[in-house]
Amino acid sequence: MGDVQASELRQRLREILERVEAGERVRIRRRGRVVAELVPAGESQPRWKRPPDATVTLPPGPGVADIVVEERETAGR
């Protein structure tokens, strides 16, 4: 991921857009603070909506729902 200043973006827009089209993400900074991010069109979803990068394997045992039910049952006693 690259960072560019807003003033640099105005001067080199064509080149920066070509980098984004090639798959690079570019953060735009104004006065040193990130104000925007250019991403390739297919990646416009927020990261939390995209599938995870890696598969998570849970250890054997009760699932979260089972634990919650058990906690609720024992809390009422």
C-alpha atoms as a PDB file:
ATOM      1  CA  MET A   1       0.000   0.000   0.000  1.00  0.00           C
ATOM      2  CA  GLY A   2       1.325   3.386  -0.926  1.00  0.00           C
ATOM      3  CA  ASP A   3       0.768   6.791   0.611  1.00  0.00           C
ATOM      4  CA  VAL A   4       0.573  10.054  -1.351  1.00  0.00           C
ATOM      5  CA  GLN A   5      -0.043  13.634  -0.329  1.00  0.00           C
ATOM      6  CA  ALA A   6      -3.163  15.313  -1.727  1.00  0.00           C
ATOM      7  CA  SER A   7      -0.994  17.769  -3.667  1.00  0.00           C
ATOM      8  CA  GLU A   8       0.957  14.876  -5.211  1.00  0.00           C
ATOM      9  CA  LEU A   9      -2.326  13.189  -6.173  1.00  0.00           C
ATOM     10  CA  ARG A  10      -3.364  16.255  -8.162  1.00  0.00           C
ATOM     11  CA  GLN A  11      -0.046  16.269 -10.030  1.00  0.00           C
ATOM     12  CA  ARG A  12       0.218  12.500 -10.678  1.00  0.00           C
ATOM     13  CA  LEU A  13      -3.420  11.355 -10.838  1.00  0.00           C
ATOM     14  CA  ARG A  14      -3.046   9.316 -14.041  1.00  0.00           C
ATOM     15  CA  GLU A  15      -0.033   7.380 -12.695  1.00  0.00           C
ATOM     16  CA  ILE A  16      -1.677   6.761  -9.313  1.00  0.00           C
ATOM     17  CA  LEU A  17      -4.890   5.522 -10.938  1.00  0.00           C
ATOM     18  CA  GLU A  18      -2.836   3.095 -13.032  1.00  0.00           C
ATOM     19  CA  ARG A  19      -1.288   1.738  -9.815  1.00  0.00           C
ATOM     20  CA  VAL A  20      -4.757   1.303  -8.302  1.00  0.00           C
ATOM     21  CA  GLU A  21      -6.012  -0.444 -11.456  1.00  0.00           C
ATOM     22  CA  ALA A  22      -3.052  -2.819 -11.109  1.00  0.00           C
ATOM     23  CA  GLY A  23      -4.308  -3.799  -7.649  1.00  0.00           C
ATOM     24  CA  GLU A  24      -2.452  -1.447  -5.314  1.00  0.00           C
ATOM     25  CA  ARG A  25      -4.247   0.352  -2.495  1.00  0.00           C
ATOM     26  CA  VAL A  26      -3.219   4.005  -2.092  1.00  0.00           C
ATOM     27  CA  ARG A  27      -3.875   6.149   0.974  1.00  0.00           C
ATOM     28  CA  ILE A  28      -4.322   9.892   0.437  1.00  0.00           C
ATOM     29  CA  ARG A  29      -2.881  12.149   3.117  1.00  0.00           C
ATOM     30  CA  ARG A  30      -3.581  15.796   3.828  1.00  0.00           C
ATOM     31  CA  ARG A  31      -1.192  17.505   6.215  1.00  0.00           C
ATOM     32  CA  GLY A  32       0.145  14.080   7.195  1.00  0.00           C
ATOM     33  CA  ARG A  33      -3.276  12.643   8.154  1.00  0.00           C
ATOM     34  CA  VAL A  34      -4.934   9.888   6.104  1.00  0.00           C
ATOM     35  CA  VAL A  35      -8.168  11.309   4.661  1.00  0.00           C
ATOM     36  CA  ALA A  36      -9.051   8.718   1.986  1.00  0.00           C
ATOM     37  CA  GLU A  37      -8.044   5.426   0.471  1.00  0.00           C
ATOM     38  CA  LEU A  38      -8.177   4.482  -3.215  1.00  0.00           C
ATOM     39  CA  VAL A  39      -8.830   0.786  -3.750  1.00  0.00           C
ATOM     40  CA  PRO A  40      -9.372  -1.289  -6.886  1.00  0.00           C
ATOM     41  CA  ALA A  41     -13.060  -1.377  -7.863  1.00  0.00           C
ATOM     42  CA  GLY A  42     -13.511  -5.035  -6.827  1.00  0.00           C
ATOM     43  CA  GLU A  43     -12.277  -4.280  -3.299  1.00  0.00           C
ATOM     44  CA  SER A  44     -14.675  -1.479  -2.474  1.00  0.00           C
ATOM     45  CA  GLN A  45     -16.339  -3.460   0.353  1.00  0.00           C
ATOM     46  CA  PRO A  46     -15.221  -2.748   3.900  1.00  0.00           C
ATOM     47  CA  ARG A  47     -12.734  -5.323   5.164  1.00  0.00           C
ATOM     48  CA  TRP A  48     -15.186  -6.716   7.720  1.00  0.00           C
ATOM     49  CA  LYS A  49     -17.583  -7.663   4.895  1.00  0.00           C
ATOM     50  CA  ARG A  50     -14.932  -9.508   2.878  1.00  0.00           C
ATOM     51  CA  PRO A  51     -14.144 -13.174   3.442  1.00  0.00           C
ATOM     52  CA  PRO A  52     -11.265 -13.796   5.862  1.00  0.00           C
ATOM     53  CA  ASP A  53      -7.765 -14.228   4.479  1.00  0.00           C
ATOM     54  CA  ALA A  54      -7.220 -17.450   6.394  1.00  0.00           C
ATOM     55  CA  THR A  55      -9.395 -20.299   7.549  1.00  0.00           C
ATOM     56  CA  VAL A  56      -9.827 -20.576  11.309  1.00  0.00           C
ATOM     57  CA  THR A  57     -10.088 -24.043  12.807  1.00  0.00           C
ATOM     58  CA  LEU A  58     -11.796 -24.203  16.163  1.00  0.00           C
ATOM     59  CA  PRO A  59     -10.634 -26.729  18.744  1.00  0.00           C
ATOM     60  CA  PRO A  60     -12.933 -29.654  19.533  1.00  0.00           C
ATOM     61  CA  GLY A  61     -15.479 -29.109  22.260  1.00  0.00           C
ATOM     62  CA  PRO A  62     -18.728 -27.301  22.821  1.00  0.00           C
ATOM     63  CA  GLY A  63     -19.642 -24.471  20.495  1.00  0.00           C
ATOM     64  CA  VAL A  64     -20.246 -20.904  21.560  1.00  0.00           C
ATOM     65  CA  ALA A  65     -24.023 -21.369  21.519  1.00  0.00           C
ATOM     66  CA  ASP A  66     -23.727 -24.382  23.850  1.00  0.00           C
ATOM     67  CA  ILE A  67     -21.578 -22.405  26.278  1.00  0.00           C
ATOM     68  CA  VAL A  68     -24.026 -19.480  26.293  1.00  0.00           C
ATOM     69  CA  VAL A  69     -26.986 -21.771  26.972  1.00  0.00           C
ATOM     70  CA  GLU A  70     -25.092 -23.493  29.792  1.00  0.00           C
ATOM     71  CA  GLU A  71     -24.109 -20.139  31.341  1.00  0.00           C
ATOM     72  CA  ARG A  72     -27.711 -18.936  31.228  1.00  0.00           C
ATOM     73  CA  GLU A  73     -28.969 -22.141  32.809  1.00  0.00           C
ATOM     74  CA  THR A  74     -26.424 -22.027  35.649  1.00  0.00           C
ATOM     75  CA  ALA A  75     -26.944 -18.303  36.269  1.00  0.00           C
ATOM     76  CA  GLY A  76     -30.638 -18.868  36.980  1.00  0.00           C
ATOM     77  CA  ARG A  77     -29.939 -21.321  39.814  1.00  0.00           C
END
